[in-house]
Amino acid sequence: MMRLAAVMLFTATVASAADLQPVKDAGPYVPSPQSVVSDMLRYADVSATDFLIDLGSGDGRIVLTAAKVFGARGFGVEIKEDLVRKANEAAQKEGLADRVKFMKADLFKTDISQATVITMYLLPDTVNLLKDKFLTELKPGTRIVSHDYPLTGWIPEKYVQMDLEDKVQISGVTTTLIYLYIVPAKVAGKWEAHMPPAISKQPATLSLKQQLTRVSGSVRLDGKDVPLEEVKLRGDKLSFRLSGRKGEFSGTVKGGAIDGMLDGKTPWNATLGG
């Protein structure tokens, strides 16, 4: 396995302590209690196949736990140099330095495209300023876990609320929230669909409208528009039913193409129009 240091090259996103000016002050360092760290990683189903990036990584506890307990690789982004040094020292001490690294960098300018999991405990306005960056840089299916603060307008895949005494000294209350989101594929537009012969022997037009994970639309069959029902988009997985007809269409979105099956038996596909 290629060593993490070679993959990252410690990247051009790392700036010197003297000249690094963040786009926005993300607020004071407040660590997530270790029990919350474990829950965040567990709800995101983190495993040895994942590359996790923690935005505002503090003392590195989320990335270190992901590597030590779940076998993941990854890195943390932190603006405070003393915390970066402390986290890298902990990685060395625990024998994890070949799997994880920590860098002094502006989280708004850091390339996060290799992540399969993003974690964060940031102030609400900072969380929401990252929304466009997530949609632009992250691959469909990437999991985003936020402690306490939601991505406004996004529908969480999971939402957990619990009471923890450890939170009182942090926020003054016991309430703890964990939000899990899945980055959606882009499906809006008109698709030329080749349906199973029982549905249509001619190419059909699949029209989709999208607002993040919310998708609606219709398919034009034999000159008539048939509404889609039970439309679901989870990462790059799309499924729907045709109004008044039996069977579920499912498919995987990859760029400008969808390849799928009707009821898991009969293939269908679609290509995004120009």
C-alpha atoms as a PDB file:
ATOM      1  CA  MET A   1       0.000   0.000   0.000  1.00  0.00           C
ATOM      2  CA  MET A   2       1.342   3.395  -0.967  1.00  0.00           C
ATOM      3  CA  ARG A   3       2.366   5.322   2.106  1.00  0.00           C
ATOM      4  CA  LEU A   4       0.060   8.193   2.963  1.00  0.00           C
ATOM      5  CA  ALA A   5       2.913  10.688   2.940  1.00  0.00           C
ATOM      6  CA  ALA A   6       3.587   9.891  -0.712  1.00  0.00           C
ATOM      7  CA  VAL A   7      -0.082  10.234  -1.624  1.00  0.00           C
ATOM      8  CA  MET A   8      -0.442  13.597   0.057  1.00  0.00           C
ATOM      9  CA  LEU A   9       3.043  15.006  -0.570  1.00  0.00           C
ATOM     10  CA  PHE A  10       1.872  17.082   2.345  1.00  0.00           C
ATOM     11  CA  THR A  11       0.194  19.073  -0.479  1.00  0.00           C
ATOM     12  CA  ALA A  12       0.372  22.625  -1.607  1.00  0.00           C
ATOM     13  CA  THR A  13      -2.465  23.436   0.773  1.00  0.00           C
ATOM     14  CA  VAL A  14      -0.007  23.546   3.678  1.00  0.00           C
ATOM     15  CA  ALA A  15       1.116  27.102   4.298  1.00  0.00           C
ATOM     16  CA  SER A  16       3.764  28.458   6.607  1.00  0.00           C
ATOM     17  CA  ALA A  17       2.749  29.584  10.082  1.00  0.00           C
ATOM     18  CA  ALA A  18       3.695  33.145   9.171  1.00  0.00           C
ATOM     19  CA  ASP A  19       1.591  33.689   6.056  1.00  0.00           C
ATOM     20  CA  LEU A  20      -1.502  31.488   6.517  1.00  0.00           C
ATOM     21  CA  GLN A  21      -4.614  33.629   6.689  1.00  0.00           C
ATOM     22  CA  PRO A  22      -7.898  31.680   6.826  1.00  0.00           C
ATOM     23  CA  VAL A  23     -10.790  32.647   4.575  1.00  0.00           C
ATOM     24  CA  LYS A  24     -12.949  32.658   7.690  1.00  0.00           C
ATOM     25  CA  ASP A  25     -12.275  32.211  11.387  1.00  0.00           C
ATOM     26  CA  ALA A  26     -13.947  28.881  12.156  1.00  0.00           C
ATOM     27  CA  GLY A  27     -14.106  29.691  15.855  1.00  0.00           C
ATOM     28  CA  PRO A  28     -12.301  28.455  18.982  1.00  0.00           C
ATOM     29  CA  TYR A  29     -11.061  24.898  19.347  1.00  0.00           C
ATOM     30  CA  VAL A  30     -13.674  22.779  21.120  1.00  0.00           C
ATOM     31  CA  PRO A  31     -12.997  19.028  21.171  1.00  0.00           C
ATOM     32  CA  SER A  32     -15.716  16.452  20.604  1.00  0.00           C
ATOM     33  CA  PRO A  33     -16.008  14.098  23.607  1.00  0.00           C
ATOM     34  CA  GLN A  34     -14.402  10.741  22.819  1.00  0.00           C
ATOM     35  CA  SER A  35     -17.754   8.964  23.082  1.00  0.00           C
ATOM     36  CA  VAL A  36     -19.140  11.278  20.371  1.00  0.00           C
ATOM     37  CA  VAL A  37     -16.082  10.620  18.210  1.00  0.00           C
ATOM     38  CA  SER A  38     -16.750   6.884  18.357  1.00  0.00           C
ATOM     39  CA  ASP A  39     -20.430   7.359  17.556  1.00  0.00           C
ATOM     40  CA  MET A  40     -19.673   9.660  14.590  1.00  0.00           C
ATOM     41  CA  LEU A  41     -17.364   7.063  13.063  1.00  0.00           C
ATOM     42  CA  ARG A  42     -19.711   4.183  13.805  1.00  0.00           C
ATOM     43  CA  TYR A  43     -22.765   5.873  12.276  1.00  0.00           C
ATOM     44  CA  ALA A  44     -20.712   6.613   9.147  1.00  0.00           C
ATOM     45  CA  ASP A  45     -19.698   2.918   8.882  1.00  0.00           C
ATOM     46  CA  VAL A  46     -16.019   3.867   8.699  1.00  0.00           C
ATOM     47  CA  SER A  47     -13.790   0.946   7.702  1.00  0.00           C
ATOM     48  CA  ALA A  48     -10.279   0.125   6.501  1.00  0.00           C
ATOM     49  CA  THR A  49     -11.271   1.034   2.940  1.00  0.00           C
ATOM     50  CA  ASP A  50     -12.030   4.654   3.866  1.00  0.00           C
ATOM     51  CA  PHE A  51     -10.018   7.843   3.528  1.00  0.00           C
ATOM     52  CA  LEU A  52     -11.251  10.257   6.196  1.00  0.00           C
ATOM     53  CA  ILE A  53     -10.642  14.004   6.287  1.00  0.00           C
ATOM     54  CA  ASP A  54     -11.435  15.900   9.475  1.00  0.00           C
ATOM     55  CA  LEU A  55     -12.016  19.632   9.016  1.00  0.00           C
ATOM     56  CA  GLY A  56     -10.880  21.518  12.103  1.00  0.00           C
ATOM     57  CA  SER A  57      -9.080  18.478  13.490  1.00  0.00           C
ATOM     58  CA  GLY A  58      -7.858  19.967  16.783  1.00  0.00           C
ATOM     59  CA  ASP A  59      -5.792  17.432  18.726  1.00  0.00           C
ATOM     60  CA  GLY A  60      -6.472  14.840  16.006  1.00  0.00           C
ATOM     61  CA  ARG A  61      -8.713  12.546  18.026  1.00  0.00           C
ATOM     62  CA  ILE A  62     -11.210  11.809  15.220  1.00  0.00           C
ATOM     63  CA  VAL A  63      -8.597  10.895  12.600  1.00  0.00           C
ATOM     64  CA  LEU A  64      -6.511   8.954  15.137  1.00  0.00           C
ATOM     65  CA  THR A  65      -9.529   6.962  16.310  1.00  0.00           C
ATOM     66  CA  ALA A  66     -10.592   6.272  12.711  1.00  0.00           C
ATOM     67  CA  ALA A  67      -7.132   4.803  12.017  1.00  0.00           C
ATOM     68  CA  LYS A  68      -6.576   2.985  15.316  1.00  0.00           C
ATOM     69  CA  VAL A  69     -10.035   1.493  15.826  1.00  0.00           C
ATOM     70  CA  PHE A  70     -11.494   1.286  12.310  1.00  0.00           C
ATOM     71  CA  GLY A  71      -8.335   0.889  10.196  1.00  0.00           C
ATOM     72  CA  ALA A  72      -8.969   3.950   8.012  1.00  0.00           C
ATOM     73  CA  ARG A  73      -6.413   6.307   6.485  1.00  0.00           C
ATOM     74  CA  GLY A  74      -6.760  10.068   6.325  1.00  0.00           C
ATOM     75  CA  PHE A  75      -5.637  13.496   7.417  1.00  0.00           C
ATOM     76  CA  GLY A  76      -6.730  16.374   9.585  1.00  0.00           C
ATOM     77  CA  VAL A  77      -6.818  20.079   8.731  1.00  0.00           C
ATOM     78  CA  GLU A  78      -6.242  22.557  11.547  1.00  0.00           C
ATOM     79  CA  ILE A  79      -5.328  26.262  11.631  1.00  0.00           C
ATOM     80  CA  LYS A  80      -3.591  26.209  15.041  1.00  0.00           C
ATOM     81  CA  GLU A  81       0.023  25.125  14.720  1.00  0.00           C
ATOM     82  CA  ASP A  82       0.380  23.833  18.291  1.00  0.00           C
ATOM     83  CA  LEU A  83      -2.578  21.476  17.796  1.00  0.00           C
ATOM     84  CA  VAL A  84      -1.172  20.233  14.476  1.00  0.00           C
ATOM     85  CA  ARG A  85       2.153  19.476  16.176  1.00  0.00           C
ATOM     86  CA  LYS A  86       0.410  17.707  19.061  1.00  0.00           C
ATOM     87  CA  ALA A  87      -1.673  15.577  16.682  1.00  0.00           C
ATOM     88  CA  ASN A  88       1.327  14.542  14.556  1.00  0.00           C
ATOM     89  CA  GLU A  89       3.261  13.654  17.714  1.00  0.00           C
ATOM     90  CA  ALA A  90       0.340  11.483  18.847  1.00  0.00           C
ATOM     91  CA  ALA A  91       0.278   9.757  15.456  1.00  0.00           C
ATOM     92  CA  GLN A  92       3.993   8.965  15.778  1.00  0.00           C
ATOM     93  CA  LYS A  93       3.606   7.741  19.347  1.00  0.00           C
ATOM     94  CA  GLU A  94       0.704   5.442  18.471  1.00  0.00           C
ATOM     95  CA  GLY A  95       2.420   4.035  15.372  1.00  0.00           C
ATOM     96  CA  LEU A  96      -0.099   5.588  12.982  1.00  0.00           C
ATOM     97  CA  ALA A  97       2.089   8.103  11.173  1.00  0.00           C
ATOM     98  CA  ASP A  98       2.131   5.985   7.995  1.00  0.00           C
ATOM     99  CA  ARG A  99      -1.686   6.122   7.876  1.00  0.00           C
ATOM    100  CA  VAL A 100      -2.576   9.621   9.073  1.00  0.00           C
ATOM    101  CA  LYS A 101      -1.121  13.128   8.953  1.00  0.00           C
ATOM    102  CA  PHE A 102      -2.147  16.544  10.223  1.00  0.00           C
ATOM    103  CA  MET A 103      -1.537  19.834   8.449  1.00  0.00           C
ATOM    104  CA  LYS A 104      -1.754  23.512   9.211  1.00  0.00           C
ATOM    105  CA  ALA A 105      -4.075  24.749   6.486  1.00  0.00           C
ATOM    106  CA  ASP A 106      -7.216  26.703   5.727  1.00  0.00           C
ATOM    107  CA  LEU A 107     -10.048  24.184   5.520  1.00  0.00           C
ATOM    108  CA  PHE A 108     -11.788  26.298   2.866  1.00  0.00           C
ATOM    109  CA  LYS A 109      -8.747  26.002   0.572  1.00  0.00           C
ATOM    110  CA  THR A 110      -7.850  22.364   1.236  1.00  0.00           C
ATOM    111  CA  ASP A 111      -8.385  19.811  -1.530  1.00  0.00           C
ATOM    112  CA  ILE A 112     -10.827  17.271  -0.046  1.00  0.00           C
ATOM    113  CA  SER A 113     -11.584  15.351  -3.242  1.00  0.00           C
ATOM    114  CA  GLN A 114      -9.959  12.079  -2.114  1.00  0.00           C
ATOM    115  CA  ALA A 115     -12.209  11.752   0.948  1.00  0.00           C
ATOM    116  CA  THR A 116     -14.733   8.957   1.320  1.00  0.00           C
ATOM    117  CA  VAL A 117     -15.699  10.361   4.733  1.00  0.00           C
ATOM    118  CA  ILE A 118     -15.693  13.965   5.974  1.00  0.00           C
ATOM    119  CA  THR A 119     -16.036  14.740   9.690  1.00  0.00           C
ATOM    120  CA  MET A 120     -16.422  18.126  11.352  1.00  0.00           C
ATOM    121  CA  TYR A 121     -17.338  19.932  14.554  1.00  0.00           C
ATOM    122  CA  LEU A 122     -17.563  23.522  13.372  1.00  0.00           C
ATOM    123  CA  LEU A 123     -19.762  26.540  14.014  1.00  0.00           C
ATOM    124  CA  PRO A 124     -23.084  26.602  12.093  1.00  0.00           C
ATOM    125  CA  ASP A 125     -22.118  29.386   9.678  1.00  0.00           C
ATOM    126  CA  THR A 126     -18.833  27.648   8.847  1.00  0.00           C
ATOM    127  CA  VAL A 127     -20.640  24.350   8.249  1.00  0.00           C
ATOM    128  CA  ASN A 128     -22.996  25.983   5.781  1.00  0.00           C
ATOM    129  CA  LEU A 129     -20.271  27.929   3.978  1.00  0.00           C
ATOM    130  CA  LEU A 130     -18.778  24.532   3.091  1.00  0.00           C
ATOM    131  CA  LYS A 131     -21.874  23.241   1.275  1.00  0.00           C
ATOM    132  CA  ASP A 132     -20.833  24.341  -2.205  1.00  0.00           C
ATOM    133  CA  LYS A 133     -17.313  22.986  -1.639  1.00  0.00           C
ATOM    134  CA  PHE A 134     -18.754  19.599  -0.709  1.00  0.00           C
ATOM    135  CA  LEU A 135     -20.906  19.421  -3.834  1.00  0.00           C
ATOM    136  CA  THR A 136     -18.069  20.580  -6.078  1.00  0.00           C
ATOM    137  CA  GLU A 137     -15.175  18.505  -4.731  1.00  0.00           C
ATOM    138  CA  LEU A 138     -16.601  15.352  -3.179  1.00  0.00           C
ATOM    139  CA  LYS A 139     -17.510  12.222  -5.105  1.00  0.00           C
ATOM    140  CA  PRO A 140     -21.151  11.020  -4.990  1.00  0.00           C
ATOM    141  CA  GLY A 141     -21.549   8.606  -2.101  1.00  0.00           C
ATOM    142  CA  THR A 142     -19.056  10.399   0.151  1.00  0.00           C
ATOM    143  CA  ARG A 143     -20.313  10.462   3.750  1.00  0.00           C
ATOM    144  CA  ILE A 144     -20.324  13.703   5.737  1.00  0.00           C
ATOM    145  CA  VAL A 145     -20.674  13.561   9.530  1.00  0.00           C
ATOM    146  CA  SER A 146     -21.345  16.779  11.436  1.00  0.00           C
ATOM    147  CA  HIS A 147     -21.377  17.080  15.226  1.00  0.00           C
ATOM    148  CA  ASP A 148     -24.224  19.291  16.514  1.00  0.00           C
ATOM    149  CA  TYR A 149     -24.796  21.477  13.443  1.00  0.00           C
ATOM    150  CA  PRO A 150     -26.687  20.516  10.252  1.00  0.00           C
ATOM    151  CA  LEU A 151     -26.127  21.331   6.599  1.00  0.00           C
ATOM    152  CA  THR A 152     -29.142  23.570   6.038  1.00  0.00           C
ATOM    153  CA  GLY A 153     -31.347  22.301   3.206  1.00  0.00           C
ATOM    154  CA  TRP A 154     -29.790  18.831   3.131  1.00  0.00           C
ATOM    155  CA  ILE A 155     -31.790  15.795   4.259  1.00  0.00           C
ATOM    156  CA  PRO A 156     -29.678  13.684   6.622  1.00  0.00           C
ATOM    157  CA  GLU A 157     -29.292   9.982   5.981  1.00  0.00           C
ATOM    158  CA  LYS A 158     -29.187   9.536   9.763  1.00  0.00           C
ATOM    159  CA  TYR A 159     -29.935  11.891  12.629  1.00  0.00           C
ATOM    160  CA  VAL A 160     -29.123  10.978  16.219  1.00  0.00           C
ATOM    161  CA  GLN A 161     -29.898  12.955  19.359  1.00  0.00           C
ATOM    162  CA  MET A 162     -28.565  11.972  22.764  1.00  0.00           C
ATOM    163  CA  ASP A 163     -27.772  13.459  26.156  1.00  0.00           C
ATOM    164  CA  LEU A 164     -24.167  13.439  27.389  1.00  0.00           C
ATOM    165  CA  GLU A 165     -22.908  14.951  30.610  1.00  0.00           C
ATOM    166  CA  ASP A 166     -19.539  15.518  28.907  1.00  0.00           C
ATOM    167  CA  LYS A 167     -21.174  18.187  26.753  1.00  0.00           C
ATOM    168  CA  VAL A 168     -22.116  20.452  29.651  1.00  0.00           C
ATOM    169  CA  GLN A 169     -18.601  21.875  29.979  1.00  0.00           C
ATOM    170  CA  ILE A 170     -18.492  22.410  26.195  1.00  0.00           C
ATOM    171  CA  SER A 171     -21.894  23.860  25.359  1.00  0.00           C
ATOM    172  CA  GLY A 172     -23.661  24.256  28.696  1.00  0.00           C
ATOM    173  CA  VAL A 173     -26.242  21.587  27.846  1.00  0.00           C
ATOM    174  CA  THR A 174     -26.233  17.805  27.582  1.00  0.00           C
ATOM    175  CA  THR A 175     -27.865  17.698  24.143  1.00  0.00           C
ATOM    176  CA  THR A 176     -25.658  16.125  21.469  1.00  0.00           C
ATOM    177  CA  LEU A 177     -26.606  15.841  17.798  1.00  0.00           C
ATOM    178  CA  ILE A 178     -24.971  13.796  15.044  1.00  0.00           C
ATOM    179  CA  TYR A 179     -25.918  14.315  11.388  1.00  0.00           C
ATOM    180  CA  LEU A 180     -24.894  11.922   8.603  1.00  0.00           C
ATOM    181  CA  TYR A 181     -25.237  13.041   4.985  1.00  0.00           C
ATOM    182  CA  ILE A 182     -24.508  11.296   1.684  1.00  0.00           C
ATOM    183  CA  VAL A 183     -23.208  13.446  -1.191  1.00  0.00           C
ATOM    184  CA  PRO A 184     -25.698  13.047  -4.077  1.00  0.00           C
ATOM    185  CA  ALA A 185     -24.880  12.484  -7.727  1.00  0.00           C
ATOM    186  CA  LYS A 186     -26.011  15.161 -10.183  1.00  0.00           C
ATOM    187  CA  VAL A 187     -29.027  13.820 -12.090  1.00  0.00           C
ATOM    188  CA  ALA A 188     -31.003  16.891 -13.177  1.00  0.00           C
ATOM    189  CA  GLY A 189     -31.690  17.129 -16.881  1.00  0.00           C
ATOM    190  CA  LYS A 190     -33.140  15.195 -19.811  1.00  0.00           C
ATOM    191  CA  TRP A 191     -31.882  11.657 -20.337  1.00  0.00           C
ATOM    192  CA  GLU A 192     -32.330   9.428 -23.374  1.00  0.00           C
ATOM    193  CA  ALA A 193     -33.471   6.184 -21.781  1.00  0.00           C
ATOM    194  CA  HIS A 194     -33.480   2.732 -23.294  1.00  0.00           C
ATOM    195  CA  MET A 195     -36.157   0.917 -21.337  1.00  0.00           C
ATOM    196  CA  PRO A 196     -37.006  -2.792 -21.224  1.00  0.00           C
ATOM    197  CA  PRO A 197     -39.090  -3.801 -24.312  1.00  0.00           C
ATOM    198  CA  ALA A 198     -42.129  -4.428 -22.127  1.00  0.00           C
ATOM    199  CA  ILE A 199     -42.068  -0.726 -21.165  1.00  0.00           C
ATOM    200  CA  SER A 200     -41.056   0.817 -24.495  1.00  0.00           C
ATOM    201  CA  LYS A 201     -39.439  -0.439 -27.665  1.00  0.00           C
ATOM    202  CA  GLN A 202     -38.410   3.126 -28.572  1.00  0.00           C
ATOM    203  CA  PRO A 203     -35.966   5.386 -26.715  1.00  0.00           C
ATOM    204  CA  ALA A 204     -37.792   7.302 -23.999  1.00  0.00           C
ATOM    205  CA  THR A 205     -37.069  10.723 -22.495  1.00  0.00           C
ATOM    206  CA  LEU A 206     -36.419  10.678 -18.761  1.00  0.00           C
ATOM    207  CA  SER A 207     -36.753  14.181 -17.309  1.00  0.00           C
ATOM    208  CA  LEU A 208     -35.367  14.729 -13.806  1.00  0.00           C
ATOM    209  CA  LYS A 209     -35.478  17.740 -11.495  1.00  0.00           C
ATOM    210  CA  GLN A 210     -33.180  17.865  -8.475  1.00  0.00           C
ATOM    211  CA  GLN A 211     -32.754  19.785  -5.259  1.00  0.00           C
ATOM    212  CA  LEU A 212     -29.803  18.070  -3.553  1.00  0.00           C
ATOM    213  CA  THR A 213     -31.172  14.643  -2.553  1.00  0.00           C
ATOM    214  CA  ARG A 214     -34.762  15.467  -3.551  1.00  0.00           C
ATOM    215  CA  VAL A 215     -35.524  14.264  -7.071  1.00  0.00           C
ATOM    216  CA  SER A 216     -38.736  14.293  -9.084  1.00  0.00           C
ATOM    217  CA  GLY A 217     -39.572  13.839 -12.726  1.00  0.00           C
ATOM    218  CA  SER A 218     -41.338  11.948 -15.467  1.00  0.00           C
ATOM    219  CA  VAL A 219     -40.643   9.707 -18.452  1.00  0.00           C
ATOM    220  CA  ARG A 220     -42.177  10.296 -21.871  1.00  0.00           C
ATOM    221  CA  LEU A 221     -43.495   7.024 -23.278  1.00  0.00           C
ATOM    222  CA  ASP A 222     -45.407   6.781 -26.575  1.00  0.00           C
ATOM    223  CA  GLY A 223     -46.076  10.528 -26.568  1.00  0.00           C
ATOM    224  CA  LYS A 224     -47.358  10.617 -22.969  1.00  0.00           C
ATOM    225  CA  ASP A 225     -45.604  11.848 -19.818  1.00  0.00           C
ATOM    226  CA  VAL A 226     -45.699   9.266 -17.025  1.00  0.00           C
ATOM    227  CA  PRO A 227     -44.848  10.688 -13.558  1.00  0.00           C
ATOM    228  CA  LEU A 228     -42.151   9.062 -11.468  1.00  0.00           C
ATOM    229  CA  GLU A 229     -43.051   7.844  -7.990  1.00  0.00           C
ATOM    230  CA  GLU A 230     -40.992   6.905  -4.934  1.00  0.00           C
ATOM    231  CA  VAL A 231     -37.897   8.540  -6.400  1.00  0.00           C
ATOM    232  CA  LYS A 232     -34.844   8.003  -4.189  1.00  0.00           C
ATOM    233  CA  LEU A 233     -31.272   9.193  -4.645  1.00  0.00           C
ATOM    234  CA  ARG A 234     -28.601   7.941  -2.258  1.00  0.00           C
ATOM    235  CA  GLY A 235     -25.157   8.910  -3.406  1.00  0.00           C
ATOM    236  CA  ASP A 236     -24.859   7.508  -6.925  1.00  0.00           C
ATOM    237  CA  LYS A 237     -27.797   5.101  -6.507  1.00  0.00           C
ATOM    238  CA  LEU A 238     -31.091   6.141  -8.118  1.00  0.00           C
ATOM    239  CA  SER A 239     -34.409   4.302  -7.919  1.00  0.00           C
ATOM    240  CA  PHE A 240     -38.004   5.074  -8.952  1.00  0.00           C
ATOM    241  CA  ARG A 241     -41.314   3.613 -10.081  1.00  0.00           C
ATOM    242  CA  LEU A 242     -43.562   4.607 -12.982  1.00  0.00           C
ATOM    243  CA  SER A 243     -47.012   5.777 -11.992  1.00  0.00           C
ATOM    244  CA  GLY A 244     -49.627   3.123 -12.699  1.00  0.00           C
ATOM    245  CA  ARG A 245     -47.076   0.431 -13.563  1.00  0.00           C
ATOM    246  CA  LYS A 246     -45.484  -2.360 -11.605  1.00  0.00           C
ATOM    247  CA  GLY A 247     -41.779  -2.712 -11.005  1.00  0.00           C
ATOM    248  CA  GLU A 248     -38.921  -0.707  -9.540  1.00  0.00           C
ATOM    249  CA  PHE A 249     -36.192   0.857 -11.656  1.00  0.00           C
ATOM    250  CA  SER A 250     -32.792   1.055  -9.968  1.00  0.00           C
ATOM    251  CA  GLY A 251     -29.508   2.250 -11.375  1.00  0.00           C
ATOM    252  CA  THR A 252     -26.036   3.622 -10.744  1.00  0.00           C
ATOM    253  CA  VAL A 253     -25.218   7.139 -11.919  1.00  0.00           C
ATOM    254  CA  LYS A 254     -21.748   7.637 -13.334  1.00  0.00           C
ATOM    255  CA  GLY A 255     -21.194  11.005 -14.927  1.00  0.00           C
ATOM    256  CA  GLY A 256     -23.585  11.317 -17.853  1.00  0.00           C
ATOM    257  CA  ALA A 257     -24.804   7.720 -17.777  1.00  0.00           C
ATOM    258  CA  ILE A 258     -27.135   5.545 -15.724  1.00  0.00           C
ATOM    259  CA  ASP A 259     -26.929   1.755 -15.875  1.00  0.00           C
ATOM    260  CA  GLY A 260     -29.573  -0.205 -14.058  1.00  0.00           C
ATOM    261  CA  MET A 261     -32.105  -2.966 -13.779  1.00  0.00           C
ATOM    262  CA  LEU A 262     -35.885  -3.259 -13.600  1.00  0.00           C
ATOM    263  CA  ASP A 263     -36.769  -5.395 -10.572  1.00  0.00           C
ATOM    264  CA  GLY A 264     -33.178  -6.610 -10.559  1.00  0.00           C
ATOM    265  CA  LYS A 265     -33.783  -8.689 -13.692  1.00  0.00           C
ATOM    266  CA  THR A 266     -34.080  -6.629 -16.884  1.00  0.00           C
ATOM    267  CA  PRO A 267     -31.427  -4.075 -17.844  1.00  0.00           C
ATOM    268  CA  TRP A 268     -32.095  -0.455 -18.746  1.00  0.00           C
ATOM    269  CA  ASN A 269     -29.807   2.545 -19.247  1.00  0.00           C
ATOM    270  CA  ALA A 270     -29.886   6.243 -19.927  1.00  0.00           C
ATOM    271  CA  THR A 271     -27.554   8.904 -21.326  1.00  0.00           C
ATOM    272  CA  LEU A 272     -27.704  12.572 -20.383  1.00  0.00           C
ATOM    273  CA  GLY A 273     -28.632  14.789 -23.305  1.00  0.00           C
ATOM    274  CA  GLY A 274     -26.486  17.657 -24.525  1.00  0.00           C
END
